[in-house]
PDB file of N, CA and C in Angstrom:
ATOM      1  N   UNK A   1       1.405  15.280  -9.934  1.00  0.00           N
ATOM      2  CA  UNK A   1       2.803  15.350  -9.509  1.00  0.00           C
ATOM      3  C   UNK A   1       3.533  16.404 -10.321  1.00  0.00           C
ATOM      4  N   UNK A   2       4.293  17.188  -9.662  1.00  0.00           N
ATOM      5  CA  UNK A   2       5.110  18.185 -10.332  1.00  0.00           C
ATOM      6  C   UNK A   2       6.547  18.019  -9.877  1.00  0.00           C
ATOM      7  N   UNK A   3       7.452  17.956 -10.842  1.00  0.00           N
ATOM      8  CA  UNK A   3       8.879  17.897 -10.542  1.00  0.00           C
ATOM      9  C   UNK A   3       9.411  19.320 -10.521  1.00  0.00           C
ATOM     10  N   UNK A   4      10.412  19.554  -9.682  1.00  0.00           N
ATOM     11  CA  UNK A   4      11.015  20.876  -9.657  1.00  0.00           C
ATOM     12  C   UNK A   4      11.734  21.185 -10.959  1.00  0.00           C
ATOM     13  N   UNK A   5      12.469  20.189 -11.471  1.00  0.00           N
ATOM     14  CA  UNK A   5      13.208  20.331 -12.722  1.00  0.00           C
ATOM     15  C   UNK A   5      13.203  18.982 -13.407  1.00  0.00           C
ATOM     16  N   UNK A   6      12.863  18.941 -14.683  1.00  0.00           N
ATOM     17  CA  UNK A   6      12.880  17.702 -15.458  1.00  0.00           C
ATOM     18  C   UNK A   6      13.793  17.899 -16.665  1.00  0.00           C
ATOM     19  N   UNK A   7      14.754  16.982 -16.832  1.00  0.00           N
ATOM     20  CA  UNK A   7      15.684  17.042 -17.958  1.00  0.00           C
ATOM     21  C   UNK A   7      15.560  15.737 -18.725  1.00  0.00           C
ATOM     22  N   UNK A   8      15.185  15.829 -19.991  1.00  0.00           N
ATOM     23  CA  UNK A   8      15.023  14.659 -20.842  1.00  0.00           C
ATOM     24  C   UNK A   8      16.094  14.658 -21.922  1.00  0.00           C
ATOM     25  N   UNK A   9      16.524  13.452 -22.298  1.00  0.00           N
ATOM     26  CA  UNK A   9      17.456  13.314 -23.410  1.00  0.00           C
ATOM     27  C   UNK A   9      16.713  13.463 -24.731  1.00  0.00           C
ATOM     28  N   UNK A  10      17.431  13.283 -25.800  1.00  0.00           N
ATOM     29  CA  UNK A  10      16.894  13.383 -27.145  1.00  0.00           C
ATOM     30  C   UNK A  10      15.927  12.236 -27.414  1.00  0.00           C
ATOM     31  N   UNK A  11      14.798  12.521 -28.014  1.00  0.00           N
ATOM     32  CA  UNK A  11      13.807  11.486 -28.334  1.00  0.00           C
ATOM     33  C   UNK A  11      14.333  10.461 -29.336  1.00  0.00           C
ATOM     34  N   UNK A  12      15.369  10.829 -30.082  1.00  0.00           N
ATOM     35  CA  UNK A  12      15.920   9.934 -31.098  1.00  0.00           C
ATOM     36  C   UNK A  12      17.120   9.152 -30.596  1.00  0.00           C
ATOM     37  N   UNK A  13      17.424   9.242 -29.295  1.00  0.00           N
ATOM     38  CA  UNK A  13      18.488   8.455 -28.698  1.00  0.00           C
ATOM     39  C   UNK A  13      19.874   9.071 -28.761  1.00  0.00           C
ATOM     40  N   UNK A  14      19.979  10.313 -29.219  1.00  0.00           N
ATOM     41  CA  UNK A  14      21.280  10.969 -29.302  1.00  0.00           C
ATOM     42  C   UNK A  14      21.691  11.608 -27.984  1.00  0.00           C
ATOM     43  N   UNK A  15      20.824  11.600 -26.994  1.00  0.00           N
ATOM     44  CA  UNK A  15      21.129  12.193 -25.706  1.00  0.00           C
ATOM     45  C   UNK A  15      20.944  13.699 -25.721  1.00  0.00           C
ATOM     46  N   UNK A  16      21.301  14.303 -24.642  1.00  0.00           N
ATOM     47  CA  UNK A  16      21.234  15.748 -24.469  1.00  0.00           C
ATOM     48  C   UNK A  16      21.944  16.042 -23.167  1.00  0.00           C
ATOM     49  N   UNK A  17      22.382  17.257 -22.967  1.00  0.00           N
ATOM     50  CA  UNK A  17      23.124  17.559 -21.745  1.00  0.00           C
ATOM     51  C   UNK A  17      22.681  18.895 -21.163  1.00  0.00           C
ATOM     52  N   UNK A  18      22.934  19.023 -19.851  1.00  0.00           N
ATOM     53  CA  UNK A  18      22.581  20.259 -19.151  1.00  0.00           C
ATOM     54  C   UNK A  18      23.516  20.450 -17.966  1.00  0.00           C
ATOM     55  N   UNK A  19      23.777  21.702 -17.640  1.00  0.00           N
ATOM     56  CA  UNK A  19      24.491  22.078 -16.425  1.00  0.00           C
ATOM     57  C   UNK A  19      23.496  22.786 -15.525  1.00  0.00           C
ATOM     58  N   UNK A  20      23.312  22.239 -14.318  1.00  0.00           N
ATOM     59  CA  UNK A  20      22.444  22.851 -13.315  1.00  0.00           C
ATOM     60  C   UNK A  20      23.385  23.364 -12.236  1.00  0.00           C
ATOM     61  N   UNK A  21      23.505  24.674 -12.120  1.00  0.00           N
ATOM     62  CA  UNK A  21      24.509  25.238 -11.220  1.00  0.00           C
ATOM     63  C   UNK A  21      23.918  26.351 -10.366  1.00  0.00           C
ATOM     64  N   UNK A  22      24.171  26.253  -9.049  1.00  0.00           N
ATOM     65  CA  UNK A  22      23.752  27.304  -8.128  1.00  0.00           C
ATOM     66  C   UNK A  22      22.247  27.424  -7.971  1.00  0.00           C
ATOM     67  N   UNK A  23      21.536  26.316  -8.107  1.00  0.00           N
ATOM     68  CA  UNK A  23      20.074  26.343  -8.034  1.00  0.00           C
ATOM     69  C   UNK A  23      19.570  25.795  -6.702  1.00  0.00           C
ATOM     70  N   UNK A  24      18.410  26.243  -6.301  1.00  0.00           N
ATOM     71  CA  UNK A  24      17.680  25.652  -5.187  1.00  0.00           C
ATOM     72  C   UNK A  24      16.412  25.051  -5.768  1.00  0.00           C
ATOM     73  N   UNK A  25      16.233  23.738  -5.544  1.00  0.00           N
ATOM     74  CA  UNK A  25      15.066  23.016  -6.038  1.00  0.00           C
ATOM     75  C   UNK A  25      14.358  22.471  -4.807  1.00  0.00           C
ATOM     76  N   UNK A  26      13.235  23.072  -4.438  1.00  0.00           N
ATOM     77  CA  UNK A  26      12.618  22.720  -3.154  1.00  0.00           C
ATOM     78  C   UNK A  26      11.101  22.780  -3.193  1.00  0.00           C
ATOM     79  N   UNK A  27      10.515  22.012  -2.256  1.00  0.00           N
ATOM     80  CA  UNK A  27       9.083  22.060  -1.968  1.00  0.00           C
ATOM     81  C   UNK A  27       8.193  21.763  -3.169  1.00  0.00           C
ATOM     82  N   UNK A  28       8.573  20.757  -3.944  1.00  0.00           N
ATOM     83  CA  UNK A  28       7.773  20.353  -5.094  1.00  0.00           C
ATOM     84  C   UNK A  28       6.897  19.154  -4.744  1.00  0.00           C
ATOM     85  N   UNK A  29       5.790  18.981  -5.451  1.00  0.00           N
ATOM     86  CA  UNK A  29       4.853  17.899  -5.197  1.00  0.00           C
ATOM     87  C   UNK A  29       5.339  16.549  -5.655  1.00  0.00           C
ATOM     88  N   UNK A  30       6.324  16.504  -6.544  1.00  0.00           N
ATOM     89  CA  UNK A  30       6.931  15.260  -7.001  1.00  0.00           C
ATOM     90  C   UNK A  30       8.384  15.226  -6.584  1.00  0.00           C
ATOM     91  N   UNK A  31       9.220  14.719  -7.473  1.00  0.00           N
ATOM     92  CA  UNK A  31      10.654  14.698  -7.176  1.00  0.00           C
ATOM     93  C   UNK A  31      11.242  16.090  -7.363  1.00  0.00           C
ATOM     94  N   UNK A  32      12.384  16.314  -6.713  1.00  0.00           N
ATOM     95  CA  UNK A  32      13.051  17.595  -6.898  1.00  0.00           C
ATOM     96  C   UNK A  32      13.571  17.738  -8.317  1.00  0.00           C
ATOM     97  N   UNK A  33      14.347  16.738  -8.760  1.00  0.00           N
ATOM     98  CA  UNK A  33      14.881  16.748 -10.109  1.00  0.00           C
ATOM     99  C   UNK A  33      14.689  15.375 -10.734  1.00  0.00           C
ATOM    100  N   UNK A  34      14.115  15.340 -11.932  1.00  0.00           N
ATOM    101  CA  UNK A  34      13.948  14.124 -12.718  1.00  0.00           C
ATOM    102  C   UNK A  34      14.851  14.226 -13.931  1.00  0.00           C
ATOM    103  N   UNK A  35      15.726  13.234 -14.106  1.00  0.00           N
ATOM    104  CA  UNK A  35      16.611  13.188 -15.274  1.00  0.00           C
ATOM    105  C   UNK A  35      16.384  11.845 -15.940  1.00  0.00           C
ATOM    106  N   UNK A  36      16.147  11.838 -17.272  1.00  0.00           N
ATOM    107  CA  UNK A  36      15.820  10.565 -17.916  1.00  0.00           C
ATOM    108  C   UNK A  36      16.100  10.551 -19.416  1.00  0.00           C
ATOM    109  N   UNK A  37      15.963   9.364 -19.985  1.00  0.00           N
ATOM    110  CA  UNK A  37      15.992   9.146 -21.427  1.00  0.00           C
ATOM    111  C   UNK A  37      17.292   9.587 -22.094  1.00  0.00           C
ATOM    112  N   UNK A  38      18.411   9.189 -21.502  1.00  0.00           N
ATOM    113  CA  UNK A  38      19.713   9.448 -22.124  1.00  0.00           C
ATOM    114  C   UNK A  38      20.319  10.802 -21.825  1.00  0.00           C
ATOM    115  N   UNK A  39      19.694  11.603 -20.996  1.00  0.00           N
ATOM    116  CA  UNK A  39      20.241  12.927 -20.670  1.00  0.00           C
ATOM    117  C   UNK A  39      21.517  12.782 -19.844  1.00  0.00           C
ATOM    118  N   UNK A  40      22.422  13.729 -20.000  1.00  0.00           N
ATOM    119  CA  UNK A  40      23.647  13.815 -19.200  1.00  0.00           C
ATOM    120  C   UNK A  40      23.619  15.161 -18.484  1.00  0.00           C
ATOM    121  N   UNK A  41      23.632  15.119 -17.149  1.00  0.00           N
ATOM    122  CA  UNK A  41      23.489  16.340 -16.359  1.00  0.00           C
ATOM    123  C   UNK A  41      24.619  16.447 -15.348  1.00  0.00           C
ATOM    124  N   UNK A  42      25.166  17.648 -15.220  1.00  0.00           N
ATOM    125  CA  UNK A  42      26.064  17.964 -14.118  1.00  0.00           C
ATOM    126  C   UNK A  42      25.327  18.938 -13.209  1.00  0.00           C
ATOM    127  N   UNK A  43      25.175  18.555 -11.942  1.00  0.00           N
ATOM    128  CA  UNK A  43      24.556  19.434 -10.947  1.00  0.00           C
ATOM    129  C   UNK A  43      25.662  19.887 -10.005  1.00  0.00           C
ATOM    130  N   UNK A  44      25.925  21.176  -9.977  1.00  0.00           N
ATOM    131  CA  UNK A  44      27.022  21.735  -9.184  1.00  0.00           C
ATOM    132  C   UNK A  44      26.491  22.863  -8.312  1.00  0.00           C
ATOM    133  N   UNK A  45      26.818  22.792  -7.017  1.00  0.00           N
ATOM    134  CA  UNK A  45      26.389  23.853  -6.106  1.00  0.00           C
ATOM    135  C   UNK A  45      24.887  23.982  -6.022  1.00  0.00           C
ATOM    136  N   UNK A  46      24.189  22.846  -6.054  1.00  0.00           N
ATOM    137  CA  UNK A  46      22.735  22.841  -6.107  1.00  0.00           C
ATOM    138  C   UNK A  46      22.156  22.260  -4.820  1.00  0.00           C
ATOM    139  N   UNK A  47      21.093  22.858  -4.325  1.00  0.00           N
ATOM    140  CA  UNK A  47      20.392  22.405  -3.131  1.00  0.00           C
ATOM    141  C   UNK A  47      19.064  21.793  -3.554  1.00  0.00           C
ATOM    142  N   UNK A  48      18.857  20.515  -3.193  1.00  0.00           N
ATOM    143  CA  UNK A  48      17.617  19.811  -3.505  1.00  0.00           C
ATOM    144  C   UNK A  48      17.019  19.376  -2.169  1.00  0.00           C
ATOM    145  N   UNK A  49      15.924  20.019  -1.755  1.00  0.00           N
ATOM    146  CA  UNK A  49      15.403  19.704  -0.423  1.00  0.00           C
ATOM    147  C   UNK A  49      13.900  19.924  -0.326  1.00  0.00           C
ATOM    148  N   UNK A  50      13.316  19.208   0.648  1.00  0.00           N
ATOM    149  CA  UNK A  50      11.923  19.430   1.007  1.00  0.00           C
ATOM    150  C   UNK A  50      10.910  19.014  -0.034  1.00  0.00           C
ATOM    151  N   UNK A  51      11.264  18.085  -0.922  1.00  0.00           N
ATOM    152  CA  UNK A  51      10.330  17.640  -1.952  1.00  0.00           C
ATOM    153  C   UNK A  51       9.492  16.473  -1.437  1.00  0.00           C
ATOM    154  N   UNK A  52       8.276  16.341  -1.947  1.00  0.00           N
ATOM    155  CA  UNK A  52       7.360  15.304  -1.492  1.00  0.00           C
ATOM    156  C   UNK A  52       7.868  13.916  -1.866  1.00  0.00           C
ATOM    157  N   UNK A  53       8.424  13.786  -3.046  1.00  0.00           N
ATOM    158  CA  UNK A  53       8.958  12.501  -3.495  1.00  0.00           C
ATOM    159  C   UNK A  53      10.475  12.500  -3.285  1.00  0.00           C
ATOM    160  N   UNK A  54      11.176  11.721  -4.065  1.00  0.00           N
ATOM    161  CA  UNK A  54      12.625  11.602  -3.970  1.00  0.00           C
ATOM    162  C   UNK A  54      13.303  12.912  -4.397  1.00  0.00           C
ATOM    163  N   UNK A  55      14.461  13.195  -3.845  1.00  0.00           N
ATOM    164  CA  UNK A  55      15.175  14.409  -4.228  1.00  0.00           C
ATOM    165  C   UNK A  55      15.641  14.378  -5.670  1.00  0.00           C
ATOM    166  N   UNK A  56      16.262  13.274  -6.065  1.00  0.00           N
ATOM    167  CA  UNK A  56      16.837  13.135  -7.404  1.00  0.00           C
ATOM    168  C   UNK A  56      16.423  11.785  -7.973  1.00  0.00           C
ATOM    169  N   UNK A  57      15.617  11.781  -9.028  1.00  0.00           N
ATOM    170  CA  UNK A  57      15.173  10.538  -9.678  1.00  0.00           C
ATOM    171  C   UNK A  57      15.862  10.424 -11.027  1.00  0.00           C
ATOM    172  N   UNK A  58      16.580   9.320 -11.220  1.00  0.00           N
ATOM    173  CA  UNK A  58      17.375   9.107 -12.426  1.00  0.00           C
ATOM    174  C   UNK A  58      16.870   7.875 -13.166  1.00  0.00           C
ATOM    175  N   UNK A  59      16.544   8.028 -14.444  1.00  0.00           N
ATOM    176  CA  UNK A  59      16.055   6.923 -15.260  1.00  0.00           C
ATOM    177  C   UNK A  59      16.840   6.924 -16.574  1.00  0.00           C
ATOM    178  N   UNK A  60      17.656   5.882 -16.800  1.00  0.00           N
ATOM    179  CA  UNK A  60      18.393   5.736 -18.055  1.00  0.00           C
ATOM    180  C   UNK A  60      19.135   7.030 -18.433  1.00  0.00           C
ATOM    181  N   UNK A  61      20.037   7.479 -17.547  1.00  0.00           N
ATOM    182  CA  UNK A  61      20.740   8.738 -17.768  1.00  0.00           C
ATOM    183  C   UNK A  61      22.087   8.708 -17.054  1.00  0.00           C
ATOM    184  N   UNK A  62      22.810   9.813 -17.122  1.00  0.00           N
ATOM    185  CA  UNK A  62      24.125   9.955 -16.483  1.00  0.00           C
ATOM    186  C   UNK A  62      24.152  11.294 -15.757  1.00  0.00           C
ATOM    187  N   UNK A  63      24.472  11.272 -14.454  1.00  0.00           N
ATOM    188  CA  UNK A  63      24.490  12.502 -13.656  1.00  0.00           C
ATOM    189  C   UNK A  63      25.780  12.594 -12.856  1.00  0.00           C
ATOM    190  N   UNK A  64      26.374  13.778 -12.849  1.00  0.00           N
ATOM    191  CA  UNK A  64      27.513  14.087 -11.990  1.00  0.00           C
ATOM    192  C   UNK A  64      27.027  15.089 -10.954  1.00  0.00           C
ATOM    193  N   UNK A  65      27.245  14.766  -9.678  1.00  0.00           N
ATOM    194  CA  UNK A  65      26.830  15.625  -8.580  1.00  0.00           C
ATOM    195  C   UNK A  65      28.075  16.156  -7.882  1.00  0.00           C
ATOM    196  N   UNK A  66      28.172  17.472  -7.760  1.00  0.00           N
ATOM    197  CA  UNK A  66      29.369  18.087  -7.184  1.00  0.00           C
ATOM    198  C   UNK A  66      28.988  19.281  -6.317  1.00  0.00           C
ATOM    199  N   UNK A  67      29.541  19.332  -5.102  1.00  0.00           N
ATOM    200  CA  UNK A  67      29.296  20.453  -4.175  1.00  0.00           C
ATOM    201  C   UNK A  67      27.812  20.747  -4.002  1.00  0.00           C
ATOM    202  N   UNK A  68      27.010  19.702  -3.909  1.00  0.00           N
ATOM    203  CA  UNK A  68      25.557  19.855  -3.819  1.00  0.00           C
ATOM    204  C   UNK A  68      25.018  19.229  -2.535  1.00  0.00           C
ATOM    205  N   UNK A  69      23.790  19.615  -2.178  1.00  0.00           N
ATOM    206  CA  UNK A  69      23.137  19.117  -0.969  1.00  0.00           C
ATOM    207  C   UNK A  69      21.785  18.527  -1.351  1.00  0.00           C
ATOM    208  N   UNK A  70      21.539  17.300  -0.868  1.00  0.00           N
ATOM    209  CA  UNK A  70      20.225  16.656  -1.021  1.00  0.00           C
ATOM    210  C   UNK A  70      19.754  16.320   0.384  1.00  0.00           C
ATOM    211  N   UNK A  71      18.711  17.007   0.850  1.00  0.00           N
ATOM    212  CA  UNK A  71      18.278  16.788   2.229  1.00  0.00           C
ATOM    213  C   UNK A  71      16.790  17.041   2.398  1.00  0.00           C
ATOM    214  N   UNK A  72      16.220  16.320   3.359  1.00  0.00           N
ATOM    215  CA  UNK A  72      14.848  16.558   3.756  1.00  0.00           C
ATOM    216  C   UNK A  72      13.795  16.213   2.722  1.00  0.00           C
ATOM    217  N   UNK A  73      14.079  15.293   1.817  1.00  0.00           N
ATOM    218  CA  UNK A  73      13.096  14.858   0.835  1.00  0.00           C
ATOM    219  C   UNK A  73      12.350  13.641   1.378  1.00  0.00           C
ATOM    220  N   UNK A  74      11.026  13.661   1.280  1.00  0.00           N
ATOM    221  CA  UNK A  74      10.217  12.619   1.915  1.00  0.00           C
ATOM    222  C   UNK A  74      10.330  11.258   1.241  1.00  0.00           C
ATOM    223  N   UNK A  75      10.673  11.206  -0.029  1.00  0.00           N
ATOM    224  CA  UNK A  75      10.773   9.935  -0.747  1.00  0.00           C
ATOM    225  C   UNK A  75      12.179   9.372  -0.781  1.00  0.00           C
ATOM    226  N   UNK A  76      13.111   9.964  -0.060  1.00  0.00           N
ATOM    227  CA  UNK A  76      14.500   9.528  -0.065  1.00  0.00           C
ATOM    228  C   UNK A  76      15.372  10.498  -0.842  1.00  0.00           C
ATOM    229  N   UNK A  77      16.665  10.211  -0.876  1.00  0.00           N
ATOM    230  CA  UNK A  77      17.620  11.124  -1.522  1.00  0.00           C
ATOM    231  C   UNK A  77      17.682  10.921  -3.028  1.00  0.00           C
ATOM    232  N   UNK A  78      18.072   9.703  -3.451  1.00  0.00           N
ATOM    233  CA  UNK A  78      18.305   9.420  -4.869  1.00  0.00           C
ATOM    234  C   UNK A  78      17.675   8.079  -5.226  1.00  0.00           C
ATOM    235  N   UNK A  79      16.969   8.037  -6.351  1.00  0.00           N
ATOM    236  CA  UNK A  79      16.426   6.786  -6.878  1.00  0.00           C
ATOM    237  C   UNK A  79      17.011   6.589  -8.269  1.00  0.00           C
ATOM    238  N   UNK A  80      17.700   5.443  -8.460  1.00  0.00           N
ATOM    239  CA  UNK A  80      18.370   5.134  -9.730  1.00  0.00           C
ATOM    240  C   UNK A  80      17.626   3.986 -10.393  1.00  0.00           C
ATOM    241  N   UNK A  81      17.202   4.189 -11.652  1.00  0.00           N
ATOM    242  CA  UNK A  81      16.425   3.183 -12.378  1.00  0.00           C
ATOM    243  C   UNK A  81      16.957   2.966 -13.794  1.00  0.00           C
ATOM    244  N   UNK A  82      16.708   1.772 -14.325  1.00  0.00           N
ATOM    245  CA  UNK A  82      16.960   1.439 -15.734  1.00  0.00           C
ATOM    246  C   UNK A  82      18.359   1.807 -16.221  1.00  0.00           C
ATOM    247  N   UNK A  83      19.372   1.435 -15.464  1.00  0.00           N
ATOM    248  CA  UNK A  83      20.751   1.628 -15.909  1.00  0.00           C
ATOM    249  C   UNK A  83      21.294   3.034 -15.765  1.00  0.00           C
ATOM    250  N   UNK A  84      20.607   3.876 -15.034  1.00  0.00           N
ATOM    251  CA  UNK A  84      21.126   5.227 -14.806  1.00  0.00           C
ATOM    252  C   UNK A  84      22.411   5.152 -13.989  1.00  0.00           C
ATOM    253  N   UNK A  85      23.251   6.165 -14.143  1.00  0.00           N
ATOM    254  CA  UNK A  85      24.526   6.208 -13.427  1.00  0.00           C
ATOM    255  C   UNK A  85      24.693   7.570 -12.779  1.00  0.00           C
ATOM    256  N   UNK A  86      25.170   7.566 -11.526  1.00  0.00           N
ATOM    257  CA  UNK A  86      25.458   8.821 -10.830  1.00  0.00           C
ATOM    258  C   UNK A  86      26.888   8.767 -10.305  1.00  0.00           C
ATOM    259  N   UNK A  87      27.602   9.851 -10.495  1.00  0.00           N
ATOM    260  CA  UNK A  87      28.969  10.008 -10.005  1.00  0.00           C
ATOM    261  C   UNK A  87      28.940  11.112  -8.954  1.00  0.00           C
ATOM    262  N   UNK A  88      29.376  10.774  -7.739  1.00  0.00           N
ATOM    263  CA  UNK A  88      29.467  11.762  -6.665  1.00  0.00           C
ATOM    264  C   UNK A  88      30.890  12.301  -6.645  1.00  0.00           C
ATOM    265  N   UNK A  89      31.050  13.556  -6.988  1.00  0.00           N
ATOM    266  CA  UNK A  89      32.355  14.194  -6.876  1.00  0.00           C
ATOM    267  C   UNK A  89      32.441  14.879  -5.520  1.00  0.00           C
ATOM    268  N   UNK A  90      33.391  15.722  -5.344  1.00  0.00           N
ATOM    269  CA  UNK A  90      33.700  16.346  -4.054  1.00  0.00           C
ATOM    270  C   UNK A  90      32.560  17.206  -3.501  1.00  0.00           C
ATOM    271  N   UNK A  91      32.537  17.278  -2.163  1.00  0.00           N
ATOM    272  CA  UNK A  91      31.734  18.275  -1.470  1.00  0.00           C
ATOM    273  C   UNK A  91      30.240  18.073  -1.412  1.00  0.00           C
ATOM    274  N   UNK A  92      29.755  16.858  -1.588  1.00  0.00           N
ATOM    275  CA  UNK A  92      28.309  16.633  -1.517  1.00  0.00           C
ATOM    276  C   UNK A  92      27.878  16.307  -0.091  1.00  0.00           C
ATOM    277  N   UNK A  93      26.649  16.681   0.227  1.00  0.00           N
ATOM    278  CA  UNK A  93      26.056  16.355   1.523  1.00  0.00           C
ATOM    279  C   UNK A  93      24.676  15.751   1.255  1.00  0.00           C
ATOM    280  N   UNK A  94      24.489  14.518   1.697  1.00  0.00           N
ATOM    281  CA  UNK A  94      23.216  13.832   1.519  1.00  0.00           C
ATOM    282  C   UNK A  94      22.765  13.361   2.894  1.00  0.00           C
ATOM    283  N   UNK A  95      21.712  13.994   3.444  1.00  0.00           N
ATOM    284  CA  UNK A  95      21.257  13.598   4.777  1.00  0.00           C
ATOM    285  C   UNK A  95      19.809  13.991   5.036  1.00  0.00           C
ATOM    286  N   UNK A  96      19.271  13.450   6.098  1.00  0.00           N
ATOM    287  CA  UNK A  96      17.928  13.769   6.607  1.00  0.00           C
ATOM    288  C   UNK A  96      16.832  13.543   5.579  1.00  0.00           C
ATOM    289  N   UNK A  97      17.020  12.568   4.688  1.00  0.00           N
ATOM    290  CA  UNK A  97      15.986  12.175   3.754  1.00  0.00           C
ATOM    291  C   UNK A  97      15.250  10.991   4.347  1.00  0.00           C
ATOM    292  N   UNK A  98      13.969  10.867   4.074  1.00  0.00           N
ATOM    293  CA  UNK A  98      13.195   9.747   4.580  1.00  0.00           C
ATOM    294  C   UNK A  98      12.612   8.969   3.405  1.00  0.00           C
ATOM    295  N   UNK A  99      12.163   7.771   3.664  1.00  0.00           N
ATOM    296  CA  UNK A  99      11.462   7.015   2.636  1.00  0.00           C
ATOM    297  C   UNK A  99      10.039   6.795   3.086  1.00  0.00           C
ATOM    298  N   UNK A 100       9.141   6.693   2.141  1.00  0.00           N
ATOM    299  CA  UNK A 100       7.723   6.505   2.458  1.00  0.00           C
ATOM    300  C   UNK A 100       7.510   5.124   3.054  1.00  0.00           C
ATOM    301  N   UNK A 101       6.609   5.032   3.998  1.00  0.00           N
ATOM    302  CA  UNK A 101       6.288   3.745   4.611  1.00  0.00           C
ATOM    303  C   UNK A 101       5.322   2.969   3.757  1.00  0.00           C
TER     304      UNK A 101
END
């Protein structure tokens, strides 16, 4: 499995942050974007599509999604695990995602 983009927090629990802006994350063998372990990410103007797994997989993290598109991912749009939090701000489009049977 390969993720298009993986963002991990600090191994010592202090977290870490990233801005993902104006990116296209597509056609990956795993999830489009994996965010985990206390990371805080803002994704702005980002297209996540056509990935084999879920578009955005969140594990124990915080994500803000703004003016972004999540579409056509075979594992669904967003998977939230272990207390992760996602905030949808303005201008997002989430459609045409499927889930595995």
